[in-house]
Structures are given as structure tokens and as C-alpha cells.
Protein backbone atom coordinates (compact mmCIF):
# COMPACT_ATOMS: atom_id res chain seq x y z
CA MET A 1 -0.21 -0.05 0.20
CA LYS A 2 1.55 3.19 -0.91
CA GLY A 3 2.38 5.59 1.75
CA TYR A 4 2.04 2.62 4.61
CA SER A 5 5.49 2.19 6.06
CA LEU A 6 5.70 -1.91 7.21
CA ALA A 7 9.24 -0.86 9.15
CA GLU A 8 7.41 1.90 11.21
CA GLY A 9 3.90 0.26 11.07
CA ARG A 10 2.38 3.77 10.65
CA VAL A 11 0.98 6.03 7.70
CA ARG A 12 3.02 8.37 6.43
CA ARG A 13 1.29 11.99 6.05
CA PRO A 14 0.29 12.72 2.32
CA PRO A 15 1.76 15.36 0.45
CA GLY A 16 -1.76 16.87 -0.20
CA VAL A 17 -2.33 17.04 3.79
CA THR A 18 1.23 19.00 3.87
CA LEU A 19 0.20 21.59 1.13
CA ALA A 20 -3.15 22.16 2.61
CA LEU A 21 -1.96 22.51 6.13
CA ILE A 22 0.96 25.11 4.81
CA ALA A 23 -1.89 26.93 2.60
CA VAL A 24 -3.89 27.47 5.93
CA ALA A 25 -1.07 28.22 7.85
CA LEU A 26 -0.22 31.25 5.58
CA LEU A 27 -3.67 32.17 4.56
CA TYR A 28 -5.25 32.38 8.26
CA GLY A 29 -2.58 32.12 10.70
CA VAL A 30 0.68 34.25 9.12
CA ARG A 31 -1.49 36.44 7.48
CA PRO A 32 -3.95 37.79 10.32
CA LEU A 33 -0.94 38.11 12.26
CA LEU A 34 0.74 40.50 9.52
CA GLU A 35 -2.41 42.28 9.11
CA ALA A 36 -2.53 42.68 13.37
CA ALA A 37 1.01 44.10 13.31
CA LEU A 38 -0.26 46.22 10.35
CA PHE A 39 -3.33 47.61 11.85
CA HIS A 40 -1.07 47.85 15.41
CA ARG A 41 1.10 50.76 13.69
CA LEU A 42 -2.21 52.35 11.95
CA ASP A 43 -3.69 52.27 15.39
CA ALA A 44 -0.38 53.87 16.70
CA THR A 45 -1.08 56.82 14.14
CA ALA A 46 -4.65 57.23 13.94
CA ASP A 47 -6.53 57.59 17.24
CA GLU A 48 -10.10 56.72 15.65
CA ALA A 49 -9.10 54.48 12.47
CA LEU A 50 -12.05 52.48 11.38
CA ILE A 51 -10.81 49.55 9.17
CA PRO A 52 -13.62 48.90 6.32
CA GLY A 53 -16.57 47.31 8.00
CA GLY A 54 -16.85 49.97 11.15
CA ILE A 55 -14.48 48.15 13.19
CA THR A 56 -12.13 49.96 15.39
CA VAL A 57 -8.29 48.89 14.84
CA ARG A 58 -7.86 48.05 18.57
CA ALA A 59 -11.02 45.64 18.65
CA TRP A 60 -10.01 43.89 15.25
CA THR A 61 -6.04 43.81 15.90
CA SER A 62 -6.80 41.82 19.11
CA VAL A 63 -9.26 39.39 17.25
CA GLU A 64 -6.99 38.65 14.28
CA GLY A 65 -3.77 38.21 16.49
CA ALA A 66 -5.86 35.97 18.51
CA VAL A 67 -7.36 33.78 15.69
CA GLY A 68 -4.11 33.91 13.89
CA GLY A 69 -2.67 31.85 16.57
CA VAL A 70 -5.09 29.69 17.45
CA ILE A 71 -5.04 28.50 13.38
CA LEU A 72 -1.05 28.17 13.56
CA ILE A 73 -1.82 25.58 16.42
CA LEU A 74 -4.43 24.08 15.00
CA CYS A 75 -2.52 23.16 12.25
CA ALA A 76 0.48 22.22 14.48
CA LEU A 77 -1.65 19.51 16.04
CA ALA A 78 -2.91 18.97 12.67
CA TRP A 79 0.97 17.82 11.38
CA ILE A 80 1.38 15.85 14.05
CA GLY A 81 -2.07 14.23 13.10
CA ARG A 82 -3.14 14.62 17.02
CA PRO A 83 -5.60 14.17 18.30
CA PRO A 84 -7.31 12.20 15.43
CA ARG A 85 -10.33 14.82 15.05
CA ILE A 86 -8.14 17.54 14.97
CA ARG A 87 -8.76 17.81 10.77
CA TRP A 88 -12.83 18.49 12.09
CA ALA A 89 -11.78 21.19 14.07
CA LEU A 90 -9.38 22.96 11.62
CA ILE A 91 -11.93 22.87 8.78
CA GLY A 92 -14.12 24.19 10.98
CA ALA A 93 -12.18 27.34 12.13
CA MET A 94 -10.80 27.51 8.53
CA LEU A 95 -14.60 27.67 7.13
CA ALA A 96 -15.75 30.25 10.24
CA LEU A 97 -13.06 32.31 9.26
CA THR A 98 -13.74 32.38 5.61
CA ALA A 99 -17.54 33.07 6.32
CA VAL A 100 -15.91 36.24 8.29
CA ASN A 101 -13.16 37.16 5.55
CA LEU A 102 -16.03 37.02 3.17
CA PHE A 103 -18.48 39.31 4.69
CA ARG A 104 -15.82 42.08 4.85
CA ILE A 105 -14.52 41.83 1.34
CA ILE A 106 -18.57 41.78 0.65
CA GLN A 107 -18.89 44.42 2.50
CA ALA A 108 -15.69 46.20 1.08
CA TRP A 109 -17.68 45.72 -2.22
CA GLY A 110 -20.80 47.54 -1.04
CA THR A 111 -19.36 50.76 0.96
CA ALA A 112 -17.46 53.68 -0.77
CA PRO A 113 -14.35 55.00 0.62
CA ASP A 114 -14.19 57.49 3.13
CA PRO A 115 -12.05 60.17 1.36
CA ILE A 116 -11.76 62.72 4.36
CA PHE A 117 -11.57 60.23 7.36
CA GLY A 118 -9.89 56.96 5.50
CA GLY A 119 -7.31 58.59 3.42
CA GLN A 120 -5.39 56.32 1.31
CA MET A 121 -4.53 53.69 3.83
CA GLN A 122 -8.09 52.75 4.10
CA SER A 123 -7.87 52.64 0.20
CA ALA A 124 -5.03 50.17 0.04
CA LEU A 125 -6.62 47.72 2.16
CA ARG A 126 -9.86 47.66 0.59
CA ARG A 127 -7.82 46.55 -2.10
CA ALA A 128 -5.72 44.45 -0.75
CA LEU A 129 -9.03 43.03 0.82
CA LEU A 130 -10.49 42.75 -2.71
CA CYS A 131 -7.64 40.41 -4.36
CA GLN A 132 -7.99 37.97 -1.20
CA LEU A 133 -11.21 36.70 -3.26
CA PRO A 134 -10.08 34.37 -5.10
CA LEU A 135 -7.74 32.67 -2.05
CA MET A 136 -10.79 32.73 -0.05
CA VAL A 137 -12.69 30.86 -2.12
CA LEU A 138 -10.09 28.13 -3.62
CA VAL A 139 -8.19 27.20 -0.54
CA PRO A 140 -11.18 26.05 1.82
CA LEU A 141 -12.17 23.96 -1.16
CA TYR A 142 -9.05 22.54 -1.41
CA VAL A 143 -8.34 21.97 2.29
CA VAL A 144 -12.10 20.37 2.96
CA TRP A 145 -11.50 18.35 -0.17
CA TYR A 146 -8.14 16.65 0.21
CA LEU A 147 -8.30 16.10 4.03
CA ASN A 148 -12.11 14.08 3.57
CA ARG A 149 -9.77 12.28 1.11
CA ALA A 150 -8.59 8.37 2.28
CA PRO A 151 -5.23 9.34 2.22
CA ALA A 152 -5.71 12.18 4.75
CA ARG A 153 -8.13 9.73 6.63
CA ALA A 154 -6.05 7.17 7.03
CA PHE A 155 -2.78 9.55 8.31
CA PHE A 156 -5.28 10.86 10.92
CA ARG A 157 -7.11 7.89 12.05
CA GLN A 158 -3.51 6.12 12.50
CA THR A 159 -2.76 7.98 15.54
CA ALA A 160 -5.90 6.63 17.12
CA ARG A 161 -5.76 2.97 16.43
CA ARG A 162 -1.68 3.47 17.97
CA GLU A 163 -2.95 4.83 20.92
CA THR A 164 -5.68 2.22 21.29
CA GLY A 165 -3.34 -0.64 20.54
CA HIS A 166 -5.38 -1.89 17.26
CA THR A 167 -4.04 -2.90 14.32
CA ALA A 168 -5.61 -3.72 11.02
CA ARG A 169 -6.08 -7.29 10.19
CA PRO A 170 -6.71 -9.06 6.70
CA ALA A 171 -9.60 -10.13 5.92
CA PRO A 172 -10.41 -14.06 6.57
CA THR A 173 -10.54 -15.66 3.09
CA THR A 174 -13.04 -18.16 2.26
CA GLU A 175 -11.43 -20.05 -0.41
CA SER A 176 -9.90 -23.65 0.27
CA THR A 177 -6.93 -25.12 -1.53
CA SER A 178 -9.00 -28.01 -2.02
CA GLU A 179 -12.32 -26.49 -3.85
CA ARG A 180 -10.35 -24.32 -6.38
CA PRO A 181 -12.02 -24.10 -9.95
CA THR A 182 -10.58 -25.68 -12.99
CA LEU A 183 -10.07 -24.16 -16.17
CA ARG A 184 -11.43 -26.12 -19.26
């Protein structure tokens, strides 16, 4: 069986799981942390700055930082493969963040920039938010699709078998050596 190591008795991490975890870590873990750092810097220069969507910079910075950290922790646990249901936690958190980000993108499309208060920074943030739409659609589709495929399920299921001591046994055969059909 491909991806199965007999010497170690474990299923190797499929390359698709690695690709999915890197994509989630970058898009939902690192990007929010960089965005939080940018917004923190913005908050230091503007007292009443608002992010597109009407949220204060201070509130959004703390939420973005916490969410980015949680996603990175979930990605690390999914990389290890423990606990076995970590893929569901990762998929759920990713889909929740996708819904929030898609709401922000739709809201950025629907509202006109404020030339007096927002200035060039708000305009740049709006354009960056609009450019994220393809990634906000393609990455979740790939991650949900691949983490529910058989190789990924086998990788996440193996840790449960190792912890409980259950191993896969071959199916019993019903054929006996004396009752084989003959060719004519």
C-alpha cells in the first residue's frame, strides 16, 4: 500500500495534507498576524481609525492576533496528526474564518471609501481585501476536499489506532485449497 511503512507500522503524511496545512497556516495564521501588526501600527498613528466594515483598529487587532495564533496551533496539531479529530477542528475554524472574511470582502465592495477619514490607507486596505477573494474561495475548497480523502483520513486515523493498540487485520478468506475451480 502506497504511503504505508511496514518497518514503522504507520501511515505517512500525504503530500496533499502538507500542502493544505501550509496553505491554511499562511492564509489563516500568518496573514492575520501580519495584518494585526499593520493595524497595530495604524492604530499608533490614528486615534479613531476604522477598518473597512466599521470596526475599530484596536478591537480588530486583538481578534486577528488571537485567531491567527489559534489557527497556527491547530495546523501544528494537524501536522502531528493528534488528536485524530483535529482535521474537523481545523476545517471548522477555517470555514468560520472564511465566512467572516467573505463578509468583510462583500462589505468592502458595497461601501464607498471615505475620502476625509479613511484616506489612502483605507483605500489600500480595501484593494488588498478584494484581492484575497480567489484565495478565500480556492483554499477552503481544496482543504475540505483533500482532508476528507482516504489518504488524509488514514493519516489522521492511525494515531487513534496506535493509542488504543488496534491494528488492521487482513480479512479472512473463504477459499480453501481443495475447492479451486478448474479451467477447461
